[in-house]
Each structure stands twice: as C-alpha cells, then as structure tokens.
Amino acid sequence: MRTFHTRTTTVLAAAATAVLGLTLTACGEDGSGRKAAGPAAGTFAPAPSSAQSAKGTAGGKNADTAQGAGAAKASTGQAAASTPFCTTKSVSISAAYQGGPPYTRIVLTAKNTSGHSCKLKGFPEIQFLESHRENVPSVAKSKPATPVVLTAGAPAYAVVKVSDGGRTENTEPVTAFSVTLQGGGGMAAVKAPGGGIAVDPAKWATGYWTHELRNGADDF
C-alpha cells in the first residue's frame, strides 16, 4: 500500500507541474520570469477599416502614377536634350494660306525629310523684305511647353501674321522670303503661297514652332 501511494503522489506532482507550465505560458511568461511582449489579455488588434485600406491603396496608386509621370518626363527631357537640331538639309519648309481673303495669315510647315529625329528650336526667323532686314517679331504666348522633336516624316507648324487686311495699310508685295532655323540650322528660301502675299511691317508677327496649331495660343 505504501508503494502505490508514492507512485500516485509522483503522478499528481508531474501533472501539477505541467498545468503550472501551461498557466505561465498562457500568462505570457517566457520561462525566465519575465512577461513576454504581446497584447493584453482580453484585447484584440483592430483590423484596418475599409476606408483606411482604400486610402492606402489610392495613396499607393497615386504615388506610383506620380513616379511614373516623373520618370516619363525625365526620359522625354533626356531624349530631347540628346536630339540634334533640325537643319534646312533635314527639313523642308513650305508656306500656305491660313483662311481666306484678305489673307492676313500664312502657316509655315517644316517637315522632317531625314531618316532620323531632330528638334526645332524656338520660332522661325523670317525676313520678308530687303528694305526691312530685321526678323519678324515672335509672339511669346505661342511658345510650347516642351521641345518640338520631329521624328522622321513628322511636321511642325508656325502661324505667321502678315497684315491686318485693311485697305489703307502700307503693304508691300512678297513672292518669296527667307526662313532661318535657330540652333545653327541654316537658311531656306520659301515661296509665298498663291504667287504672292501683301505684308505690312507694322503688323507682322510669327508664332513658335509647334506640333499642331492650337486655338488661343496661336491666335494673334
């Protein structure tokens, strides 16, 4: 009977030790007497709300979009910086009326006829008359926001005002005129549309080279 009592006591002591170990673990102790870090008993970490998740997702997308746009802009700027200026050997320049009588404006078209890209700088430097050797003044509001880079076969345009169309204007007839490309692009002789145009030195003005004609910016 004494032996059975001893074994029973041993089994009970082992069970008590196991229960105590489980209790300490549940209480957050790491076996060294220190409480392990973790949420307090009876508390739960709140899950992010749908609004917070949506905000986080939108913020991530906006950041990605902004980063992508910045990279694209930087890439475009680098490409434009490394592109050579157009010359009269790489583009052909022609003139046409813009609108009908009294033909107060013409449009210059510079088409890239080379097999590589080139960029047009600023505005065309135009001289209509031998008696007026100064260039036709440019209109600042027509300046584009980005460099005008022409791929092979692509055109660019510039609106040129030649007069106000008034009967009492001091106009002079012009059958051909010169256009110089900025950036060392050289000079080209351009035929006036319709066999001749009437120009007024007090009224003429030119826009900048652009990829397309834009209402407002190119109206002057």
Foldseek 3Di string as FASTA:
>chain_A
DVVVVVVVVVVVVVVVVVVVVVVCVVQQDPPPPDRHDDDDPPDDDDDDDPVVVVVVVVVVVVVVVVVVVVVVVVVQVVVQVPAAAAACVQWPKEKDFDDDPPRQKIKIKTWGQDQAKHWFDWAWFKDFDPVDPHTAAADVLQDDPDTGMHGHGAMWMKMKGFDPRDPPAPWDKGQKIKTGTPPPRGIDIYGYPPRIHIGGSVDIYMYTIDSDDDPPSRDD
